[in-house]
Amino acid sequence: MYDVRESWTDERLDDFRGEVNRRFDKVDSELGRVNDRLDGLHRAMLQIGGGIVVALIGLIATQL
């Protein structure tokens, strides 16, 4: 971790900026993976919900 300093050199600020950018890139990639998983979950929920609706319509149609 970085020490608290009263003044920073340009080189040190560049190092700090590079480290911050690297960490944000890692977070961005992890969020991309989470979004992909949520998309898959959403798709599965729609398919299951659609199947239940079709099954209920079929059940109602056979009882008429």
C-alpha atoms as a PDB file:
ATOM      1  CA  MET A   1       0.000   0.000   0.000  1.00  0.00           C
ATOM      2  CA  TYR A   2       1.172   3.548  -0.571  1.00  0.00           C
ATOM      3  CA  ASP A   3       2.448   5.683   2.282  1.00  0.00           C
ATOM      4  CA  VAL A   4       0.849   9.046   2.935  1.00  0.00           C
ATOM      5  CA  ARG A   5       3.141  11.807   1.717  1.00  0.00           C
ATOM      6  CA  GLU A   6       2.982  15.565   1.818  1.00  0.00           C
ATOM      7  CA  SER A   7       4.331  15.873  -1.714  1.00  0.00           C
ATOM      8  CA  TRP A   8       4.584  13.460  -4.595  1.00  0.00           C
ATOM      9  CA  THR A   9       7.107  13.434  -7.411  1.00  0.00           C
ATOM     10  CA  ASP A  10       5.875  13.218 -10.981  1.00  0.00           C
ATOM     11  CA  GLU A  11       7.396   9.756 -11.293  1.00  0.00           C
ATOM     12  CA  ARG A  12       5.648   8.577  -8.136  1.00  0.00           C
ATOM     13  CA  LEU A  13       2.316   9.991  -9.344  1.00  0.00           C
ATOM     14  CA  ASP A  14       2.763   8.165 -12.651  1.00  0.00           C
ATOM     15  CA  ASP A  15       3.404   4.918 -10.758  1.00  0.00           C
ATOM     16  CA  PHE A  16       0.325   5.498  -8.622  1.00  0.00           C
ATOM     17  CA  ARG A  17      -1.837   6.253 -11.670  1.00  0.00           C
ATOM     18  CA  GLY A  18      -0.604   3.078 -13.365  1.00  0.00           C
ATOM     19  CA  GLU A  19      -1.477   0.997 -10.305  1.00  0.00           C
ATOM     20  CA  VAL A  20      -4.956   2.555 -10.052  1.00  0.00           C
ATOM     21  CA  ASN A  21      -5.598   1.923 -13.753  1.00  0.00           C
ATOM     22  CA  ARG A  22      -4.447  -1.694 -13.417  1.00  0.00           C
ATOM     23  CA  ARG A  23      -6.822  -2.274 -10.526  1.00  0.00           C
ATOM     24  CA  PHE A  24      -9.767  -0.693 -12.325  1.00  0.00           C
ATOM     25  CA  ASP A  25      -9.073  -2.838 -15.385  1.00  0.00           C
ATOM     26  CA  LYS A  26      -9.239  -5.915 -13.154  1.00  0.00           C
ATOM     27  CA  VAL A  27     -12.537  -4.746 -11.630  1.00  0.00           C
ATOM     28  CA  ASP A  28     -13.955  -4.064 -15.110  1.00  0.00           C
ATOM     29  CA  SER A  29     -13.115  -7.598 -16.242  1.00  0.00           C
ATOM     30  CA  GLU A  30     -14.697  -9.096 -13.128  1.00  0.00           C
ATOM     31  CA  LEU A  31     -17.854  -7.042 -13.638  1.00  0.00           C
ATOM     32  CA  GLY A  32     -17.999  -8.290 -17.226  1.00  0.00           C
ATOM     33  CA  ARG A  33     -18.002 -11.871 -15.931  1.00  0.00           C
ATOM     34  CA  VAL A  34     -20.755 -11.056 -13.426  1.00  0.00           C
ATOM     35  CA  ASN A  35     -22.850  -9.468 -16.192  1.00  0.00           C
ATOM     36  CA  ASP A  36     -22.432 -12.568 -18.356  1.00  0.00           C
ATOM     37  CA  ARG A  37     -23.612 -14.806 -15.527  1.00  0.00           C
ATOM     38  CA  LEU A  38     -26.599 -12.566 -14.806  1.00  0.00           C
ATOM     39  CA  ASP A  39     -27.543 -12.623 -18.491  1.00  0.00           C
ATOM     40  CA  GLY A  40     -27.523 -16.425 -18.403  1.00  0.00           C
ATOM     41  CA  LEU A  41     -29.655 -16.452 -15.260  1.00  0.00           C
ATOM     42  CA  HIS A  42     -32.120 -14.023 -16.846  1.00  0.00           C
ATOM     43  CA  ARG A  43     -32.391 -16.184 -19.947  1.00  0.00           C
ATOM     44  CA  ALA A  44     -32.992 -19.323 -17.862  1.00  0.00           C
ATOM     45  CA  MET A  45     -35.680 -17.589 -15.793  1.00  0.00           C
ATOM     46  CA  LEU A  46     -37.497 -16.477 -18.950  1.00  0.00           C
ATOM     47  CA  GLN A  47     -37.360 -19.984 -20.396  1.00  0.00           C
ATOM     48  CA  ILE A  48     -38.647 -21.580 -17.199  1.00  0.00           C
ATOM     49  CA  GLY A  49     -41.370 -18.943 -16.828  1.00  0.00           C
ATOM     50  CA  GLY A  50     -42.426 -19.455 -20.432  1.00  0.00           C
ATOM     51  CA  GLY A  51     -42.558 -23.208 -19.935  1.00  0.00           C
ATOM     52  CA  ILE A  52     -44.767 -22.802 -16.873  1.00  0.00           C
ATOM     53  CA  VAL A  53     -47.149 -20.498 -18.766  1.00  0.00           C
ATOM     54  CA  VAL A  54     -47.387 -22.974 -21.659  1.00  0.00           C
ATOM     55  CA  ALA A  55     -47.980 -25.846 -19.241  1.00  0.00           C
ATOM     56  CA  LEU A  56     -50.745 -23.917 -17.453  1.00  0.00           C
ATOM     57  CA  ILE A  57     -52.419 -23.006 -20.738  1.00  0.00           C
ATOM     58  CA  GLY A  58     -52.248 -26.643 -21.806  1.00  0.00           C
ATOM     59  CA  LEU A  59     -53.707 -27.770 -18.491  1.00  0.00           C
ATOM     60  CA  ILE A  60     -56.546 -25.262 -18.724  1.00  0.00           C
ATOM     61  CA  ALA A  61     -57.240 -26.208 -22.358  1.00  0.00           C
ATOM     62  CA  THR A  62     -57.523 -29.908 -21.498  1.00  0.00           C
ATOM     63  CA  GLN A  63     -60.004 -29.201 -18.698  1.00  0.00           C
ATOM     64  CA  LEU A  64     -62.474 -27.347 -20.924  1.00  0.00           C
END
